[in-house]
């Protein structure tokens, strides 16, 4: 039985502003970054996708090129995927259901003044 081994990209040469050692880094070894974009109409950043980049500055530039090509964004966040902590799907019941018996936490019990705006 034949197995297909993953193809590793060739070393990247001549990155602008990169040192000789970082210019030779294999793209597949770059960390994964999660990209969040705030649109012109929105008040919050929304997750758009992921990309590999050598550092935060390069991740911002690549995210701008990939996820805001139509000038729809006004702000971009990039976060290393390794720093994100997430709940486990198997823990859903224990993690979320205790909130169902605390109805006082729902915003239906509060009146929001008009001057507050976007709530």
N, C-alpha and C. Protein backbone atom coordinates (compact mmCIF):
# COMPACT_ATOMS: atom_id res chain seq x y z
N UNK A 1 0.85 -1.18 0.00
CA UNK A 1 0.00 0.00 0.00
C UNK A 1 0.89 1.24 0.00
N UNK A 2 0.62 2.15 -0.90
CA UNK A 2 1.39 3.39 -0.99
C UNK A 2 0.80 4.44 -0.06
N UNK A 3 1.68 5.14 0.63
CA UNK A 3 1.22 6.25 1.45
C UNK A 3 1.78 7.54 0.86
N UNK A 4 0.99 8.56 0.95
CA UNK A 4 1.41 9.85 0.43
C UNK A 4 1.93 10.67 1.58
N UNK A 5 3.16 11.12 1.46
CA UNK A 5 3.71 11.96 2.51
C UNK A 5 3.40 13.41 2.17
N UNK A 6 3.16 14.24 3.20
CA UNK A 6 2.84 15.64 2.94
C UNK A 6 4.01 16.35 2.29
N UNK A 7 3.70 17.23 1.37
CA UNK A 7 4.73 18.01 0.69
C UNK A 7 5.04 19.23 1.53
N UNK A 8 6.30 19.41 1.86
CA UNK A 8 6.73 20.57 2.65
C UNK A 8 7.09 21.67 1.68
N UNK A 9 6.67 22.88 1.94
CA UNK A 9 7.02 23.99 1.06
C UNK A 9 8.52 24.24 1.06
N UNK A 10 8.99 24.80 -0.02
CA UNK A 10 10.40 25.16 -0.13
C UNK A 10 10.70 26.32 0.81
N UNK A 11 11.95 26.49 1.22
CA UNK A 11 12.30 27.63 2.07
C UNK A 11 11.95 28.95 1.37
N UNK A 12 11.49 29.88 2.16
CA UNK A 12 11.11 31.18 1.63
C UNK A 12 12.36 32.05 1.59
N UNK A 13 12.66 32.60 0.44
CA UNK A 13 13.85 33.43 0.28
C UNK A 13 13.43 34.89 0.12
N UNK A 14 14.21 35.79 0.70
CA UNK A 14 14.06 37.21 0.45
C UNK A 14 12.84 37.86 1.05
N UNK A 15 12.41 37.46 2.23
CA UNK A 15 11.30 38.16 2.86
C UNK A 15 11.74 39.57 3.22
N UNK A 16 10.91 40.54 2.94
CA UNK A 16 11.26 41.93 3.24
C UNK A 16 11.48 42.11 4.73
N UNK A 17 12.63 42.63 5.11
CA UNK A 17 12.92 42.92 6.50
C UNK A 17 13.26 41.70 7.35
N UNK A 18 13.36 40.52 6.75
CA UNK A 18 13.64 39.32 7.53
C UNK A 18 15.13 39.07 7.57
N UNK A 19 15.57 38.52 8.68
CA UNK A 19 16.99 38.17 8.79
C UNK A 19 17.24 36.91 7.96
N UNK A 20 18.52 36.60 7.74
CA UNK A 20 18.86 35.45 6.93
C UNK A 20 18.31 34.16 7.53
N UNK A 21 18.39 34.03 8.85
CA UNK A 21 17.91 32.80 9.48
C UNK A 21 16.40 32.67 9.39
N UNK A 22 15.65 33.79 9.59
CA UNK A 22 14.19 33.68 9.51
C UNK A 22 13.72 33.59 8.08
N UNK A 23 14.50 34.10 7.12
CA UNK A 23 14.11 34.01 5.71
C UNK A 23 14.18 32.57 5.23
N UNK A 24 14.97 31.75 5.90
CA UNK A 24 15.10 30.37 5.49
C UNK A 24 14.10 29.46 6.19
N UNK A 25 13.27 30.02 7.06
CA UNK A 25 12.28 29.23 7.78
C UNK A 25 11.27 28.65 6.81
N UNK A 26 10.94 27.41 6.99
CA UNK A 26 9.94 26.75 6.16
C UNK A 26 8.57 27.25 6.57
N UNK A 27 7.75 27.63 5.58
CA UNK A 27 6.44 28.19 5.85
C UNK A 27 5.61 27.25 6.72
N UNK A 28 5.71 25.97 6.52
CA UNK A 28 4.95 25.01 7.30
C UNK A 28 5.31 25.01 8.78
N UNK A 29 6.46 25.57 9.12
CA UNK A 29 6.88 25.65 10.52
C UNK A 29 6.41 26.94 11.19
N UNK A 30 5.85 27.85 10.44
CA UNK A 30 5.37 29.10 11.01
C UNK A 30 4.15 28.82 11.89
N UNK A 31 3.96 29.58 12.96
CA UNK A 31 2.80 29.35 13.83
C UNK A 31 1.50 29.73 13.14
N UNK A 32 0.44 29.13 13.62
CA UNK A 32 -0.90 29.40 13.10
C UNK A 32 -1.49 30.59 13.85
N UNK A 33 -2.11 31.52 13.12
CA UNK A 33 -2.72 32.72 13.70
C UNK A 33 -4.21 32.73 13.35
N UNK A 34 -5.03 33.09 14.31
CA UNK A 34 -6.47 33.26 14.09
C UNK A 34 -6.71 34.73 13.77
N UNK A 35 -7.56 34.99 12.78
CA UNK A 35 -7.80 36.35 12.29
C UNK A 35 -9.22 36.78 12.61
N UNK A 36 -9.33 37.97 13.21
CA UNK A 36 -10.61 38.58 13.53
C UNK A 36 -10.67 39.95 12.86
N UNK A 37 -11.78 40.23 12.17
CA UNK A 37 -11.93 41.50 11.45
C UNK A 37 -13.18 42.21 11.91
N UNK A 38 -13.06 43.50 12.11
CA UNK A 38 -14.23 44.35 12.42
C UNK A 38 -14.62 45.04 11.14
N UNK A 39 -15.87 44.84 10.72
CA UNK A 39 -16.34 45.44 9.48
C UNK A 39 -16.77 46.88 9.71
N UNK A 40 -16.99 47.60 8.64
CA UNK A 40 -17.41 49.00 8.74
C UNK A 40 -18.78 49.13 9.42
N UNK A 41 -19.64 48.15 9.23
CA UNK A 41 -20.97 48.19 9.82
C UNK A 41 -21.04 47.59 11.21
N UNK A 42 -20.03 46.83 11.60
CA UNK A 42 -20.11 46.10 12.87
C UNK A 42 -19.43 46.81 14.02
N UNK A 43 -19.80 46.38 15.20
CA UNK A 43 -19.19 46.91 16.42
C UNK A 43 -18.24 45.90 17.05
N UNK A 44 -18.27 44.67 16.56
CA UNK A 44 -17.43 43.63 17.14
C UNK A 44 -16.55 43.01 16.06
N UNK A 45 -15.47 42.42 16.50
CA UNK A 45 -14.59 41.68 15.59
C UNK A 45 -15.17 40.28 15.40
N UNK A 46 -15.12 39.77 14.18
CA UNK A 46 -15.62 38.43 13.89
C UNK A 46 -14.49 37.58 13.35
N UNK A 47 -14.50 36.31 13.75
CA UNK A 47 -13.47 35.39 13.28
C UNK A 47 -13.65 35.15 11.79
N UNK A 48 -12.59 35.35 11.03
CA UNK A 48 -12.64 35.19 9.57
C UNK A 48 -11.93 33.94 9.09
N UNK A 49 -10.91 33.52 9.83
CA UNK A 49 -10.15 32.37 9.39
C UNK A 49 -8.80 32.30 10.08
N UNK A 50 -7.92 31.54 9.49
CA UNK A 50 -6.60 31.31 10.06
C UNK A 50 -5.55 31.43 8.97
N UNK A 51 -4.32 31.69 9.39
CA UNK A 51 -3.20 31.72 8.44
C UNK A 51 -1.91 31.45 9.18
N UNK A 52 -0.90 31.04 8.45
CA UNK A 52 0.43 30.82 9.00
C UNK A 52 1.29 32.04 8.70
N UNK A 53 2.01 32.54 9.70
CA UNK A 53 2.90 33.68 9.52
C UNK A 53 4.07 33.55 10.49
N UNK A 54 5.18 34.20 10.13
CA UNK A 54 6.38 34.11 10.94
C UNK A 54 6.25 34.87 12.25
N UNK A 55 5.54 36.01 12.23
CA UNK A 55 5.38 36.83 13.44
C UNK A 55 4.08 37.62 13.34
N UNK A 56 3.80 38.39 14.40
CA UNK A 56 2.52 39.12 14.47
C UNK A 56 2.40 40.16 13.37
N UNK A 57 3.47 40.88 13.08
CA UNK A 57 3.41 41.91 12.05
C UNK A 57 3.11 41.32 10.67
N UNK A 58 3.77 40.22 10.36
CA UNK A 58 3.52 39.56 9.09
C UNK A 58 2.09 39.00 9.06
N UNK A 59 1.62 38.49 10.19
CA UNK A 59 0.25 37.97 10.25
C UNK A 59 -0.76 39.08 9.98
N UNK A 60 -0.51 40.27 10.53
CA UNK A 60 -1.41 41.41 10.27
C UNK A 60 -1.42 41.77 8.79
N UNK A 61 -0.25 41.83 8.18
CA UNK A 61 -0.18 42.19 6.76
C UNK A 61 -0.85 41.14 5.88
N UNK A 62 -0.60 39.88 6.19
CA UNK A 62 -1.21 38.81 5.41
C UNK A 62 -2.73 38.77 5.61
N UNK A 63 -3.18 39.00 6.84
CA UNK A 63 -4.62 39.03 7.12
C UNK A 63 -5.29 40.16 6.36
N UNK A 64 -4.63 41.32 6.31
CA UNK A 64 -5.17 42.45 5.55
C UNK A 64 -5.31 42.07 4.08
N UNK A 65 -4.30 41.42 3.51
CA UNK A 65 -4.33 41.06 2.10
C UNK A 65 -5.36 39.97 1.80
N UNK A 66 -5.51 39.04 2.72
CA UNK A 66 -6.39 37.90 2.46
C UNK A 66 -7.85 38.18 2.84
N UNK A 67 -8.08 38.82 3.99
CA UNK A 67 -9.44 38.92 4.52
C UNK A 67 -10.10 40.29 4.36
N UNK A 68 -9.38 41.28 3.85
CA UNK A 68 -10.01 42.60 3.65
C UNK A 68 -9.71 43.12 2.26
N UNK A 69 -9.78 42.26 1.27
CA UNK A 69 -9.47 42.65 -0.10
C UNK A 69 -10.46 43.66 -0.67
N UNK A 70 -11.67 43.65 -0.18
CA UNK A 70 -12.71 44.55 -0.71
C UNK A 70 -12.91 45.76 0.19
N UNK A 71 -11.93 46.07 1.01
CA UNK A 71 -11.93 47.23 1.90
C UNK A 71 -13.12 47.23 2.85
N UNK A 72 -13.52 46.03 3.30
CA UNK A 72 -14.67 45.95 4.20
C UNK A 72 -14.27 46.03 5.67
N UNK A 73 -12.99 45.99 5.98
CA UNK A 73 -12.56 45.99 7.37
C UNK A 73 -12.04 47.34 7.83
N UNK A 74 -12.20 47.60 9.13
CA UNK A 74 -11.65 48.81 9.73
C UNK A 74 -10.65 48.48 10.83
N UNK A 75 -10.60 47.22 11.25
CA UNK A 75 -9.69 46.80 12.30
C UNK A 75 -9.45 45.29 12.17
N UNK A 76 -8.22 44.88 12.40
CA UNK A 76 -7.86 43.46 12.33
C UNK A 76 -7.15 43.07 13.62
N UNK A 77 -7.52 41.93 14.16
CA UNK A 77 -6.80 41.32 15.28
C UNK A 77 -6.23 40.01 14.77
N UNK A 78 -4.99 39.72 15.14
CA UNK A 78 -4.41 38.39 14.90
C UNK A 78 -3.96 37.85 16.25
N UNK A 79 -4.30 36.59 16.50
CA UNK A 79 -4.01 35.97 17.79
C UNK A 79 -3.36 34.61 17.52
N UNK A 80 -2.23 34.33 18.16
CA UNK A 80 -1.64 32.99 17.98
C UNK A 80 -2.64 31.91 18.43
N UNK A 81 -2.88 30.96 17.58
CA UNK A 81 -3.83 29.89 17.91
C UNK A 81 -3.44 29.16 19.19
N UNK A 82 -2.16 29.06 19.44
CA UNK A 82 -1.71 28.33 20.62
C UNK A 82 -2.08 29.02 21.93
N UNK A 83 -2.44 30.31 21.88
CA UNK A 83 -2.81 31.02 23.10
C UNK A 83 -4.30 31.00 23.39
N UNK A 84 -5.08 30.42 22.51
CA UNK A 84 -6.53 30.37 22.70
C UNK A 84 -6.89 29.15 23.55
N UNK A 85 -7.68 29.39 24.56
CA UNK A 85 -8.18 28.30 25.41
C UNK A 85 -9.67 28.16 25.13
N UNK A 86 -10.09 26.95 24.85
CA UNK A 86 -11.49 26.72 24.47
C UNK A 86 -12.11 25.65 25.36
N UNK A 87 -13.42 25.73 25.53
CA UNK A 87 -14.12 24.69 26.26
C UNK A 87 -14.21 23.44 25.39
N UNK A 88 -14.36 22.31 26.04
CA UNK A 88 -14.49 21.04 25.34
C UNK A 88 -15.95 20.78 25.02
N UNK A 89 -16.25 20.31 23.81
CA UNK A 89 -17.65 20.01 23.46
C UNK A 89 -18.29 19.00 24.41
N UNK A 90 -17.51 18.07 24.94
CA UNK A 90 -18.06 17.06 25.85
C UNK A 90 -18.47 17.66 27.20
N UNK A 91 -17.94 18.84 27.53
CA UNK A 91 -18.25 19.50 28.79
C UNK A 91 -19.41 20.48 28.68
N UNK A 92 -20.12 20.45 27.57
CA UNK A 92 -21.18 21.42 27.32
C UNK A 92 -22.21 21.46 28.44
N UNK A 93 -22.67 20.32 28.86
CA UNK A 93 -23.72 20.29 29.88
C UNK A 93 -23.25 20.91 31.19
N UNK A 94 -22.11 20.51 31.66
CA UNK A 94 -21.60 21.03 32.93
C UNK A 94 -21.18 22.49 32.82
N UNK A 95 -20.77 22.89 31.64
CA UNK A 95 -20.23 24.24 31.47
C UNK A 95 -21.33 25.29 31.27
N UNK A 96 -22.38 24.95 30.50
CA UNK A 96 -23.37 25.95 30.13
C UNK A 96 -24.72 25.81 30.82
N UNK A 97 -25.15 24.63 31.17
CA UNK A 97 -26.48 24.46 31.71
C UNK A 97 -26.70 25.05 33.10
N UNK A 98 -25.70 25.19 33.96
CA UNK A 98 -25.96 25.83 35.25
C UNK A 98 -26.48 27.26 35.12
N UNK A 99 -26.25 27.90 33.99
CA UNK A 99 -26.72 29.27 33.79
C UNK A 99 -28.21 29.34 33.51
N UNK A 100 -28.81 28.24 33.10
CA UNK A 100 -30.23 28.25 32.75
C UNK A 100 -31.11 28.52 33.96
N UNK A 101 -30.66 28.17 35.17
CA UNK A 101 -31.48 28.38 36.36
C UNK A 101 -31.24 29.75 37.00
N UNK A 102 -30.49 30.61 36.36
CA UNK A 102 -30.22 31.96 36.88
C UNK A 102 -30.84 32.99 35.94
N UNK A 103 -32.16 33.01 35.93
CA UNK A 103 -32.84 33.87 34.96
C UNK A 103 -32.60 35.35 35.21
N UNK A 104 -32.19 35.70 36.41
CA UNK A 104 -31.91 37.10 36.70
C UNK A 104 -30.72 37.62 35.89
N UNK A 105 -29.95 36.72 35.30
CA UNK A 105 -28.81 37.14 34.48
C UNK A 105 -29.21 37.53 33.06
N UNK A 106 -30.43 37.23 32.69
CA UNK A 106 -30.88 37.56 31.34
C UNK A 106 -31.23 39.05 31.27
N UNK A 107 -30.94 39.70 30.18
CA UNK A 107 -31.13 41.15 30.09
C UNK A 107 -32.59 41.60 30.06
N UNK A 108 -33.54 40.68 30.13
CA UNK A 108 -34.94 41.06 30.10
C UNK A 108 -35.38 41.74 31.40
N UNK A 109 -34.57 41.64 32.45
CA UNK A 109 -34.92 42.24 33.73
C UNK A 109 -34.39 43.66 33.88
N UNK A 110 -33.69 44.14 32.88
CA UNK A 110 -33.06 45.45 32.98
C UNK A 110 -33.56 46.37 31.89
N UNK A 111 -33.71 47.62 32.24
CA UNK A 111 -34.06 48.62 31.23
C UNK A 111 -32.78 49.37 30.86
N UNK A 112 -32.52 49.46 29.58
CA UNK A 112 -31.31 50.14 29.10
C UNK A 112 -31.68 51.54 28.66
N UNK A 113 -31.04 52.55 29.23
CA UNK A 113 -31.34 53.93 28.83
C UNK A 113 -31.00 54.17 27.36
N UNK A 114 -31.75 55.04 26.72
CA UNK A 114 -31.55 55.33 25.30
C UNK A 114 -30.16 55.85 24.99
N UNK A 115 -29.58 56.62 25.92
CA UNK A 115 -28.27 57.20 25.66
C UNK A 115 -27.13 56.17 25.67
N UNK A 116 -27.40 54.95 26.14
CA UNK A 116 -26.37 53.92 26.15
C UNK A 116 -26.05 53.50 24.72
N UNK A 117 -27.06 53.40 23.89
CA UNK A 117 -26.82 53.07 22.49
C UNK A 117 -26.71 51.57 22.22
N UNK A 118 -25.63 51.17 21.60
CA UNK A 118 -25.46 49.83 21.05
C UNK A 118 -25.29 48.76 22.12
N UNK A 119 -26.36 48.27 22.68
CA UNK A 119 -26.28 47.18 23.65
C UNK A 119 -27.12 46.03 23.15
